[in-house]
């Protein structure tokens, strides 16, 4: 059975909690980013580019059997790690679950306080885009 959004957040919080040093946490972020499958070139379009990110971030979403599956990529390693975290937490859930999700893991792992203001804005933009996809799919479903 698929984990709930909160179960996935809790697992990430636990994984990051075991690393007390921020260089180790950045290392984990980079590792997670490297595990992200490359985004198919056909999805690297202007419409999939996230506005408000300093680096280039593409986000693609498909609705399959009532659940949204995200794919993403960035040209910056730390940002690709952040994309990976968001996909890990939100992908495979219903539009309703994504729209209503309280993404508390971002604060709990200390991500927001350790990102530069521009990266932090980019993170907010990515979350907003994922919610917009969910809203659009929700409306389409009726």
Protein backbone atom coordinates (compact mmCIF):
# COMPACT_ATOMS: atom_id res chain seq x y z
CA UNK A 1 0.00 0.00 0.00
CA UNK A 2 1.16 3.50 -0.79
CA UNK A 3 2.27 5.66 2.11
CA UNK A 4 0.24 8.75 2.89
CA UNK A 5 1.78 12.16 2.25
CA UNK A 6 2.35 12.57 5.99
CA UNK A 7 3.98 9.13 6.33
CA UNK A 8 6.36 10.04 3.51
CA UNK A 9 7.13 13.39 5.16
CA UNK A 10 7.78 11.67 8.50
CA UNK A 11 10.16 9.20 6.83
CA UNK A 12 12.12 12.08 5.27
CA UNK A 13 12.23 13.96 8.57
CA UNK A 14 13.62 10.84 10.23
CA UNK A 15 16.20 10.36 7.46
CA UNK A 16 17.40 13.97 7.74
CA UNK A 17 17.32 13.91 11.57
CA UNK A 18 20.04 11.26 11.57
CA UNK A 19 22.35 13.81 9.92
CA UNK A 20 23.27 16.60 12.32
CA UNK A 21 25.78 18.39 10.10
CA UNK A 22 24.35 20.53 7.29
CA UNK A 23 27.09 19.51 4.87
CA UNK A 24 25.88 15.92 5.31
CA UNK A 25 22.29 17.06 4.70
CA UNK A 26 23.35 18.84 1.51
CA UNK A 27 25.14 15.62 0.57
CA UNK A 28 21.90 13.68 1.04
CA UNK A 29 20.02 16.27 -1.04
CA UNK A 30 22.57 15.92 -3.85
CA UNK A 31 22.37 12.12 -3.61
CA UNK A 32 18.55 12.23 -3.84
CA UNK A 33 18.83 14.57 -6.82
CA UNK A 34 21.20 12.17 -8.55
CA UNK A 35 18.69 9.35 -8.07
CA UNK A 36 16.00 11.36 -9.87
CA UNK A 37 15.44 9.86 -13.32
CA UNK A 38 16.28 12.35 -16.08
CA UNK A 39 13.27 14.16 -17.50
CA UNK A 40 12.48 13.26 -21.09
CA UNK A 41 13.59 16.08 -23.42
CA UNK A 42 10.04 16.43 -24.76
CA UNK A 43 8.94 17.74 -21.35
CA UNK A 44 11.70 20.35 -21.08
CA UNK A 45 9.42 23.04 -22.47
CA UNK A 46 8.70 26.64 -21.54
CA UNK A 47 5.30 25.60 -20.17
CA UNK A 48 6.95 23.11 -17.76
CA UNK A 49 9.58 25.60 -16.59
CA UNK A 50 8.94 26.92 -13.07
CA UNK A 51 8.73 30.70 -12.80
CA UNK A 52 10.57 32.20 -9.84
CA UNK A 53 13.44 29.73 -9.69
CA UNK A 54 16.99 31.00 -10.01
CA UNK A 55 18.06 27.78 -11.72
CA UNK A 56 16.10 26.07 -14.44
CA UNK A 57 13.50 23.66 -13.05
CA UNK A 58 11.07 21.66 -15.16
CA UNK A 59 8.05 19.95 -13.69
CA UNK A 60 5.77 17.59 -15.59
CA UNK A 61 2.63 15.95 -14.21
CA UNK A 62 0.30 13.25 -15.48
CA UNK A 63 -2.95 11.99 -14.04
CA UNK A 64 -3.31 8.23 -14.09
CA UNK A 65 -6.14 6.31 -12.42
CA UNK A 66 -7.01 9.31 -10.25
CA UNK A 67 -3.47 9.92 -9.00
CA UNK A 68 -0.92 12.50 -10.08
CA UNK A 69 2.60 11.43 -10.97
CA UNK A 70 5.27 14.10 -11.15
CA UNK A 71 8.55 14.10 -12.99
CA UNK A 72 11.06 16.89 -12.70
CA UNK A 73 14.58 18.02 -13.27
CA UNK A 74 16.86 20.95 -12.57
CA UNK A 75 20.22 22.06 -13.88
CA UNK A 76 21.41 22.72 -10.29
CA UNK A 77 22.33 19.76 -8.05
CA UNK A 78 20.87 21.05 -4.76
CA UNK A 79 17.68 22.14 -6.51
CA UNK A 80 17.37 18.75 -8.21
CA UNK A 81 17.51 17.26 -4.70
CA UNK A 82 14.68 19.55 -3.59
CA UNK A 83 12.65 18.54 -6.66
CA UNK A 84 13.31 14.91 -5.72
CA UNK A 85 12.02 15.48 -2.16
CA UNK A 86 8.82 17.12 -3.39
CA UNK A 87 8.21 14.36 -5.93
CA UNK A 88 8.86 11.70 -3.27
CA UNK A 89 6.25 13.27 -0.99
CA UNK A 90 3.54 14.31 -3.47
CA UNK A 91 3.73 11.94 -6.44
CA UNK A 92 1.22 9.09 -6.54
CA UNK A 93 -1.50 10.91 -4.63
CA UNK A 94 -4.91 12.23 -5.60
CA UNK A 95 -5.37 15.87 -6.62
CA UNK A 96 -7.43 16.39 -3.44
CA UNK A 97 -4.67 15.02 -1.18
CA UNK A 98 -2.05 17.22 -2.86
CA UNK A 99 -4.17 20.37 -2.65
CA UNK A 100 -4.86 19.77 1.06
CA UNK A 101 -1.35 18.61 2.02
CA UNK A 102 0.44 20.48 4.78
CA UNK A 103 4.08 20.20 3.76
CA UNK A 104 5.56 20.46 7.23
CA UNK A 105 8.69 18.47 6.36
CA UNK A 106 10.26 21.52 4.68
CA UNK A 107 10.42 23.34 8.03
CA UNK A 108 11.15 20.23 10.09
CA UNK A 109 14.28 19.19 8.18
CA UNK A 110 15.50 22.80 8.35
CA UNK A 111 15.43 23.22 4.60
CA UNK A 112 13.90 26.68 4.48
CA UNK A 113 16.37 28.18 6.96
CA UNK A 114 19.39 26.70 5.14
CA UNK A 115 18.44 27.85 1.64
CA UNK A 116 19.38 31.17 0.13
CA UNK A 117 16.40 33.53 -0.33
CA UNK A 118 16.34 32.84 -4.08
CA UNK A 119 16.36 29.06 -3.56
CA UNK A 120 13.67 29.45 -0.92
CA UNK A 121 11.52 31.40 -3.39
CA UNK A 122 12.13 28.65 -5.92
CA UNK A 123 10.98 26.03 -3.42
CA UNK A 124 7.77 27.99 -2.82
CA UNK A 125 7.29 28.28 -6.60
CA UNK A 126 7.74 24.51 -7.06
CA UNK A 127 5.19 23.68 -4.34
CA UNK A 128 2.79 26.22 -5.81
CA UNK A 129 3.16 24.70 -9.30
CA UNK A 130 2.53 21.18 -7.98
CA UNK A 131 -0.62 22.41 -6.25
CA UNK A 132 -1.70 24.18 -9.46
CA UNK A 133 -1.35 20.91 -11.40
CA UNK A 134 -3.41 19.17 -8.72
CA UNK A 135 -6.08 21.89 -8.86
CA UNK A 136 -6.22 21.72 -12.66
CA UNK A 137 -6.59 17.91 -12.62
CA UNK A 138 -9.21 18.18 -9.89
CA UNK A 139 -11.27 20.62 -11.95
CA UNK A 140 -10.89 18.43 -15.05
CA UNK A 141 -12.15 15.41 -13.13
CA UNK A 142 -15.21 17.43 -12.15
